[in-house]
Amino acid sequence: MKTPYDWIAPLLVITLISQTCGSDLAAPPRSTSPKPRWTLSYSSHDPEYYHGLSFPDATHGWMVGDSGRILHSRDGGSTWKPQANSSTNRLFCVQFVNAQTGWAAGEGNTLLRTRDGGQSWIIDHPPGDPARRTFMALRFIDEQEGWIAHNFGGLLHTRDGGQTWTGHDRLARDAFVSICFRDAIKGWALSVGGTLLRTADGGQNWSSRQLSARPHATASFSALFFLDSTHGWIGTDTSISSRIGDAPPLFRTSDGGRTWSVQGQWPGGSIRDVWFQDAQSGRCAEFAGIYSTQDGGLSWTKELDSGGDPLVQMVFVGTSQGWVLTFTGNVYTYSE
């Protein structure tokens, strides 16, 4: 009988969604609302495990997981209902750009797309080895143009909503775990081994650099978020590290990813997701909790403790509403 911890190290290191680039292409101004709070809005009784979450607006949400599971919420995450599709493969990532148009992807070279809010899903298999290729992250700029990343260090690009794809292979030696575009021109992609790609021409050309998480020699890279074209953050995961008990580093850039430095003193554990509303105020989801900062990462306050239920992905719409998905399919909602 499987337990939630059988796959923790291999799966949560590379689950993202990102997808971790955030739900908005441009972050709104900083909020001055009262102290925020997280509440358990949905308690799952599903035996399957979940890996990806998307909210294109404050009302409509989707989560994806094992055995081709796709769940949809129409009430901001309070209730969820399954959506039928023809895949039985594990799905790792999902993104909707509005309440009608979205994509989901995962094992077996599987890509699903819908233009009716998930009432019907079309299954595609882009060129590649279905027995070996797994899609780990996707990022669509609009209804037509998007990117998808796979476990063999490659990216695929579409300009027709996912009907056809062109490949960029061998860009990294390991799996890409996150893609982030803030517009159609500037984008970044991060691999689990620390390969960071950057493009300034819409993906026609990519520059590459290798990041290091030393002294965490066995740490992996797990989360990528860019607020704008200059300010970005990268989280790392030490769930498989031999240096148990050491806080994994959180990196920051203020020059578009050319240089990186360690961001303050991170008090939490392995970082699952990162989101900032401005250069000073942001949140990190770690293994079983969420921390916030108001001073650029110099100090952190714990906002949520999931009681050991592993967090998978954090999504925000604006600055006053957010959600975080756990491995077991529970959903916590943030409000101010």
Protein backbone atom coordinates (compact mmCIF):
# COMPACT_ATOMS: atom_id res chain seq x y z
CA MET A 1 0.00 0.00 0.00
CA LYS A 2 1.48 3.34 -1.00
CA THR A 3 1.83 6.22 1.42
CA PRO A 4 2.22 9.95 0.72
CA TYR A 5 5.93 9.61 1.45
CA ASP A 6 6.81 6.90 -1.05
CA TRP A 7 7.32 9.48 -3.80
CA ILE A 8 8.20 12.58 -1.77
CA ALA A 9 11.86 12.85 -2.74
CA PRO A 10 11.59 12.17 -6.49
CA LEU A 11 8.25 13.84 -7.13
CA LEU A 12 8.11 16.93 -4.96
CA VAL A 13 11.61 17.92 -6.03
CA ILE A 14 10.35 18.22 -9.63
CA THR A 15 6.69 19.18 -9.21
CA LEU A 16 6.25 22.79 -9.68
CA ILE A 17 4.04 24.73 -11.82
CA SER A 18 4.34 26.40 -12.10
CA GLN A 19 4.19 26.61 -13.12
CA THR A 20 5.84 28.46 -10.26
CA CYS A 21 6.11 31.55 -12.37
CA GLY A 22 2.83 32.67 -10.73
CA SER A 23 -0.64 33.09 -12.11
CA ASP A 24 -0.38 36.70 -13.31
CA LEU A 25 1.86 38.04 -16.07
CA ALA A 26 2.22 41.31 -14.16
CA ALA A 27 2.05 41.64 -10.37
CA PRO A 28 -0.37 44.28 -9.01
CA PRO A 29 0.68 47.01 -6.57
CA ARG A 30 1.42 46.07 -2.99
CA SER A 31 -1.64 45.58 -0.80
CA THR A 32 -2.30 47.45 2.46
CA SER A 33 -5.10 45.12 3.59
CA PRO A 34 -5.37 43.65 7.12
CA LYS A 35 -3.30 40.69 8.26
CA PRO A 36 -3.80 37.73 5.89
CA ARG A 37 -4.89 34.25 6.85
CA TRP A 38 -4.85 30.75 5.37
CA THR A 39 -7.77 28.37 5.87
CA LEU A 40 -8.39 24.80 4.78
CA SER A 41 -11.06 25.32 2.12
CA TYR A 42 -11.12 21.78 0.71
CA SER A 43 -10.36 18.49 2.47
CA SER A 44 -9.75 15.71 -0.02
CA HIS A 45 -10.74 12.08 0.49
CA ASP A 46 -9.29 11.00 -2.84
CA PRO A 47 -6.74 8.13 -2.69
CA GLU A 48 -4.81 9.69 -5.60
CA TYR A 49 -2.00 12.23 -5.20
CA TYR A 50 -1.89 15.66 -6.82
CA HIS A 51 0.91 17.67 -8.42
CA GLY A 52 -0.36 20.81 -10.17
CA LEU A 53 -2.74 23.72 -9.59
CA SER A 54 -4.04 26.65 -11.66
CA PHE A 55 -6.41 29.54 -10.98
CA PRO A 56 -6.83 31.98 -13.89
CA ASP A 57 -9.22 34.10 -11.80
CA ALA A 58 -10.66 34.19 -8.29
CA THR A 59 -13.46 31.72 -9.08
CA HIS A 60 -12.25 28.98 -11.44
CA GLY A 61 -9.53 26.50 -10.50
CA TRP A 62 -8.07 23.20 -11.68
CA MET A 63 -5.83 20.60 -10.05
CA VAL A 64 -4.19 17.58 -11.70
CA GLY A 65 -2.69 14.39 -10.35
CA ASP A 66 -2.24 10.64 -10.61
CA SER A 67 -4.16 8.42 -13.04
CA GLY A 68 -5.10 11.34 -15.28
CA ARG A 69 -7.09 13.02 -12.53
CA ILE A 70 -8.36 16.54 -13.28
CA LEU A 71 -10.55 18.34 -10.73
CA HIS A 72 -12.33 21.66 -11.28
CA SER A 73 -13.66 24.27 -8.86
CA ARG A 74 -16.26 26.91 -9.73
CA ASP A 75 -16.41 28.55 -6.31
CA GLY A 76 -12.89 29.69 -5.54
CA GLY A 77 -11.65 26.33 -4.27
CA SER A 78 -14.35 25.32 -1.79
CA THR A 79 -15.67 22.40 -3.83
CA TRP A 80 -14.04 20.34 -6.58
CA LYS A 81 -15.49 17.97 -9.17
CA PRO A 82 -13.68 15.58 -11.53
CA GLN A 83 -13.50 16.26 -15.26
CA ALA A 84 -13.46 13.28 -17.59
CA ASN A 85 -10.57 12.78 -20.00
CA SER A 86 -9.02 9.87 -21.84
CA SER A 87 -5.65 9.83 -20.06
CA THR A 88 -4.69 7.49 -17.23
CA ASN A 89 -1.15 8.84 -16.96
CA ARG A 90 0.10 10.86 -14.01
CA LEU A 91 -0.31 14.59 -14.72
CA PHE A 92 2.24 16.99 -13.25
CA CYS A 93 1.27 20.43 -14.50
CA VAL A 94 -1.76 22.48 -15.52
CA GLN A 95 -2.37 26.05 -16.65
CA PHE A 96 -5.46 27.99 -17.66
CA VAL A 97 -5.12 31.45 -19.20
CA ASN A 98 -8.83 32.12 -18.68
CA ALA A 99 -11.93 30.21 -17.56
CA GLN A 100 -12.18 28.37 -20.89
CA THR A 101 -8.70 27.72 -22.28
CA GLY A 102 -6.19 25.46 -20.56
CA TRP A 103 -3.65 22.66 -20.81
CA ALA A 104 -2.45 19.78 -18.63
CA ALA A 105 0.56 17.52 -19.12
CA GLY A 106 2.55 14.72 -17.56
CA GLU A 107 3.85 11.19 -18.04
CA GLY A 108 3.82 9.24 -21.27
CA ASN A 109 4.41 12.31 -23.46
CA THR A 110 0.85 13.31 -22.59
CA LEU A 111 -0.58 16.75 -23.32
CA LEU A 112 -4.24 17.62 -22.83
CA ARG A 113 -5.94 20.82 -24.01
CA THR A 114 -9.41 22.32 -23.69
CA ARG A 115 -11.26 25.39 -24.94
CA ASP A 116 -14.51 24.86 -23.06
CA GLY A 117 -13.38 24.99 -19.44
CA GLY A 118 -12.61 21.28 -19.30
CA GLN A 119 -16.00 19.96 -20.37
CA SER A 120 -14.04 18.19 -23.10
CA TRP A 121 -10.31 17.52 -23.27
CA ILE A 122 -8.33 16.75 -26.42
CA ILE A 123 -5.32 14.49 -25.86
CA ASP A 124 -2.14 15.02 -27.87
CA HIS A 125 1.24 13.33 -27.94
CA PRO A 126 3.90 15.73 -29.26
CA PRO A 127 6.84 14.15 -31.14
CA GLY A 128 8.93 12.17 -28.67
CA ASP A 129 9.30 8.86 -26.88
CA PRO A 130 6.04 8.22 -24.98
CA ALA A 131 7.63 5.51 -22.88
CA ARG A 132 10.30 7.81 -21.47
CA ARG A 133 9.29 11.46 -21.83
CA THR A 134 7.47 13.23 -19.01
CA PHE A 135 6.32 16.85 -19.16
CA MET A 136 7.18 18.60 -15.90
CA ALA A 137 6.18 22.24 -16.44
CA LEU A 138 4.30 24.41 -18.89
CA ARG A 139 3.81 28.12 -19.44
CA PHE A 140 1.40 29.78 -21.85
CA ILE A 141 1.63 33.50 -22.55
CA ASP A 142 -1.82 33.65 -24.11
CA GLU A 143 -4.31 31.31 -25.82
CA GLN A 144 -1.91 30.56 -28.67
CA GLU A 145 1.72 30.77 -27.58
CA GLY A 146 3.26 28.55 -24.94
CA TRP A 147 6.16 26.44 -23.76
CA ILE A 148 6.37 23.01 -22.19
CA ALA A 149 9.38 21.38 -20.52
CA HIS A 150 10.30 17.72 -20.21
CA ASN A 151 12.53 15.41 -18.22
CA PHE A 152 15.25 15.13 -20.87
CA GLY A 153 16.33 18.74 -20.63
CA GLY A 154 14.28 20.01 -23.54
CA LEU A 155 11.64 22.62 -24.27
CA LEU A 156 8.80 22.54 -26.80
CA HIS A 157 7.19 25.66 -28.24
CA THR A 158 3.76 26.22 -29.82
CA ARG A 159 2.13 29.18 -31.56
CA ASP A 160 -1.23 27.54 -32.27
CA GLY A 161 -2.51 26.69 -28.81
CA GLY A 162 -0.74 23.33 -28.60
CA GLN A 163 -1.85 21.74 -31.86
CA THR A 164 1.73 21.66 -33.19
CA TRP A 165 5.08 21.93 -31.41
CA THR A 166 8.71 22.65 -32.31
CA GLY A 167 11.51 21.30 -30.14
CA HIS A 168 14.58 22.70 -28.42
CA ASP A 169 16.47 19.61 -27.24
CA ARG A 170 19.48 19.01 -24.98
CA LEU A 171 19.34 22.44 -23.37
CA ALA A 172 20.13 20.81 -20.01
CA ARG A 173 21.41 17.45 -18.80
CA ASP A 174 18.45 16.90 -16.51
CA ALA A 175 14.74 17.67 -16.15
CA PHE A 176 13.41 21.18 -16.44
CA VAL A 177 11.13 21.93 -13.51
CA SER A 178 9.91 25.46 -14.16
CA ILE A 179 9.32 27.93 -16.98
CA CYS A 180 8.62 31.63 -16.48
CA PHE A 181 7.65 34.24 -19.08
CA ARG A 182 6.59 37.75 -18.10
CA ASP A 183 5.83 38.70 -21.69
CA ALA A 184 6.28 37.16 -25.13
CA ILE A 185 9.94 38.19 -25.32
CA LYS A 186 11.68 37.61 -22.00
CA GLY A 187 11.66 34.19 -20.36
CA TRP A 188 13.56 31.78 -18.15
CA ALA A 189 13.66 28.01 -17.56
CA LEU A 190 15.20 26.12 -14.63
CA SER A 191 16.34 22.52 -14.39
CA VAL A 192 16.50 20.35 -11.29
CA GLY A 193 20.31 20.36 -11.54
CA GLY A 194 20.58 24.15 -11.64
CA THR A 195 20.78 24.90 -15.36
CA LEU A 196 19.16 28.31 -15.85
CA LEU A 197 18.17 29.36 -19.36
CA ARG A 198 17.34 32.94 -20.30
CA THR A 199 15.91 34.35 -23.53
CA ALA A 200 15.42 37.96 -24.63
CA ASP A 201 13.98 37.20 -28.08
CA GLY A 202 10.96 35.01 -27.42
CA GLY A 203 12.93 31.76 -27.29
CA GLN A 204 14.73 31.99 -30.61
CA ASN A 205 17.98 31.94 -28.65
CA TRP A 206 18.71 30.83 -25.10
CA SER A 207 21.73 31.69 -22.95
CA SER A 208 22.67 29.19 -20.27
CA ARG A 209 24.43 29.30 -16.92
CA GLN A 210 24.99 26.71 -14.22
CA LEU A 211 23.92 27.56 -10.67
CA SER A 212 25.38 25.98 -7.55
CA ALA A 213 23.66 25.38 -4.20
CA ARG A 214 26.88 24.70 -2.29
CA PRO A 215 27.53 23.72 0.43
CA HIS A 216 24.39 21.66 -0.22
CA ALA A 217 26.13 19.43 -2.73
CA THR A 218 23.11 17.19 -3.24
CA ALA A 219 20.46 19.94 -3.17
CA SER A 220 18.22 20.25 -6.19
CA PHE A 221 16.60 23.32 -7.70
CA SER A 222 12.84 23.35 -7.31
CA ALA A 223 11.17 26.73 -7.85
CA LEU A 224 11.52 29.75 -10.13
CA PHE A 225 9.65 33.06 -10.00
CA PHE A 226 10.20 36.38 -11.78
CA LEU A 227 8.28 39.45 -10.63
CA ASP A 228 9.32 41.43 -13.71
CA SER A 229 12.18 41.45 -16.21
CA THR A 230 14.81 42.10 -13.53
CA HIS A 231 13.70 40.74 -10.13
CA GLY A 232 13.62 36.97 -9.68
CA TRP A 233 13.93 34.22 -7.07
CA ILE A 234 14.98 30.56 -7.13
CA GLY A 235 14.22 28.01 -4.43
CA THR A 236 16.13 24.82 -3.67
CA ASP A 237 15.17 21.48 -2.19
CA THR A 238 17.24 19.43 0.25
CA SER A 239 14.77 16.62 0.86
CA ILE A 240 17.32 14.19 -0.59
CA SER A 241 20.34 15.99 0.86
CA SER A 242 22.82 14.35 3.22
CA ARG A 243 22.95 17.65 5.14
CA ILE A 244 19.70 17.04 6.97
CA GLY A 245 18.60 19.97 9.13
CA ASP A 246 20.35 22.64 7.05
CA ALA A 247 18.11 25.31 5.55
CA PRO A 248 18.23 25.22 1.76
CA PRO A 249 19.27 28.46 0.07
CA LEU A 250 16.85 30.89 -1.56
CA PHE A 251 18.48 32.88 -4.37
CA ARG A 252 17.65 36.34 -5.67
CA THR A 253 18.54 38.34 -8.77
CA SER A 254 17.99 42.01 -9.58
CA ASP A 255 19.51 41.98 -13.05
CA GLY A 256 17.28 39.57 -14.92
CA GLY A 257 19.16 36.43 -13.90
CA ARG A 258 22.71 37.40 -14.90
CA THR A 259 23.90 37.22 -11.28
CA TRP A 260 22.41 35.61 -8.17
CA SER A 261 22.93 35.96 -4.42
CA VAL A 262 21.55 34.15 -1.38
CA GLN A 263 18.37 35.86 -0.12
CA GLY A 264 18.60 36.61 3.60
CA GLN A 265 18.31 33.82 6.16
CA TRP A 266 15.66 31.32 5.12
CA PRO A 267 14.24 29.61 8.26
CA GLY A 268 12.17 26.92 6.59
CA GLY A 269 12.79 23.60 4.92
CA SER A 270 12.90 22.50 1.31
CA ILE A 271 11.31 25.16 -0.89
CA ARG A 272 8.39 24.04 -3.06
CA ASP A 273 7.24 27.35 -4.51
CA VAL A 274 8.04 31.08 -4.49
CA TRP A 275 5.83 34.14 -5.07
CA PHE A 276 6.56 37.87 -4.58
CA GLN A 277 4.16 40.79 -5.02
CA ASP A 278 7.00 43.33 -5.05
CA ALA A 279 10.73 43.38 -4.34
CA GLN A 280 10.16 43.33 -0.57
CA SER A 281 6.98 41.34 0.07
CA GLY A 282 6.63 37.69 -0.81
CA ARG A 283 5.99 34.11 0.24
CA CYS A 284 7.72 30.76 0.07
CA ALA A 285 6.00 27.42 0.38
CA GLU A 286 8.22 24.86 2.04
CA PHE A 287 7.62 21.16 2.69
CA ALA A 288 4.75 21.67 5.15
CA GLY A 289 4.30 25.40 5.64
CA ILE A 290 4.25 28.87 4.15
CA TYR A 291 6.45 31.77 5.27
CA SER A 292 6.09 35.44 4.35
CA THR A 293 8.54 38.35 4.31
CA GLN A 294 8.03 42.12 4.23
CA ASP A 295 11.69 43.13 4.12
CA GLY A 296 13.07 41.38 1.08
CA GLY A 297 13.83 38.12 2.89
CA LEU A 298 15.83 39.44 5.84
CA SER A 299 13.15 38.03 8.17
CA TRP A 300 10.32 35.55 7.72
CA THR A 301 7.03 34.83 9.51
CA LYS A 302 5.30 31.47 9.34
CA GLU A 303 1.72 31.87 8.07
CA LEU A 304 0.63 28.27 7.54
CA ASP A 305 1.46 24.90 9.01
CA SER A 306 -0.07 22.03 7.03
CA GLY A 307 0.58 19.50 9.77
CA GLY A 308 3.00 17.45 7.70
CA ASP A 309 0.85 17.31 4.56
CA PRO A 310 3.41 18.11 1.82
CA LEU A 311 2.76 21.31 -0.11
CA VAL A 312 3.02 21.12 -3.89
CA GLN A 313 2.13 24.44 -5.54
CA MET A 314 1.08 27.96 -4.55
CA VAL A 315 -0.98 30.22 -6.84
CA PHE A 316 -2.05 33.85 -6.43
CA VAL A 317 -4.54 36.03 -8.31
CA GLY A 318 -3.61 39.59 -7.47
CA THR A 319 -2.25 40.07 -3.96
CA SER A 320 -5.30 39.38 -1.81
CA GLN A 321 -6.33 35.88 -2.90
CA GLY A 322 -4.28 32.73 -3.17
CA TRP A 323 -4.32 28.96 -2.90
CA VAL A 324 -1.88 26.20 -2.08
CA LEU A 325 -2.29 22.55 -3.04
CA THR A 326 -1.02 19.63 -0.98
CA PHE A 327 0.20 16.26 -2.21
CA THR A 328 -2.95 14.59 -0.90
CA GLY A 329 -5.28 17.01 -2.73
CA ASN A 330 -6.15 19.35 0.12
CA VAL A 331 -6.46 23.04 -0.73
CA TYR A 332 -5.74 25.99 1.55
CA THR A 333 -7.12 29.41 0.60
CA TYR A 334 -5.52 32.73 1.44
CA SER A 335 -7.51 35.92 2.02
CA GLU A 336 -6.94 39.33 3.51
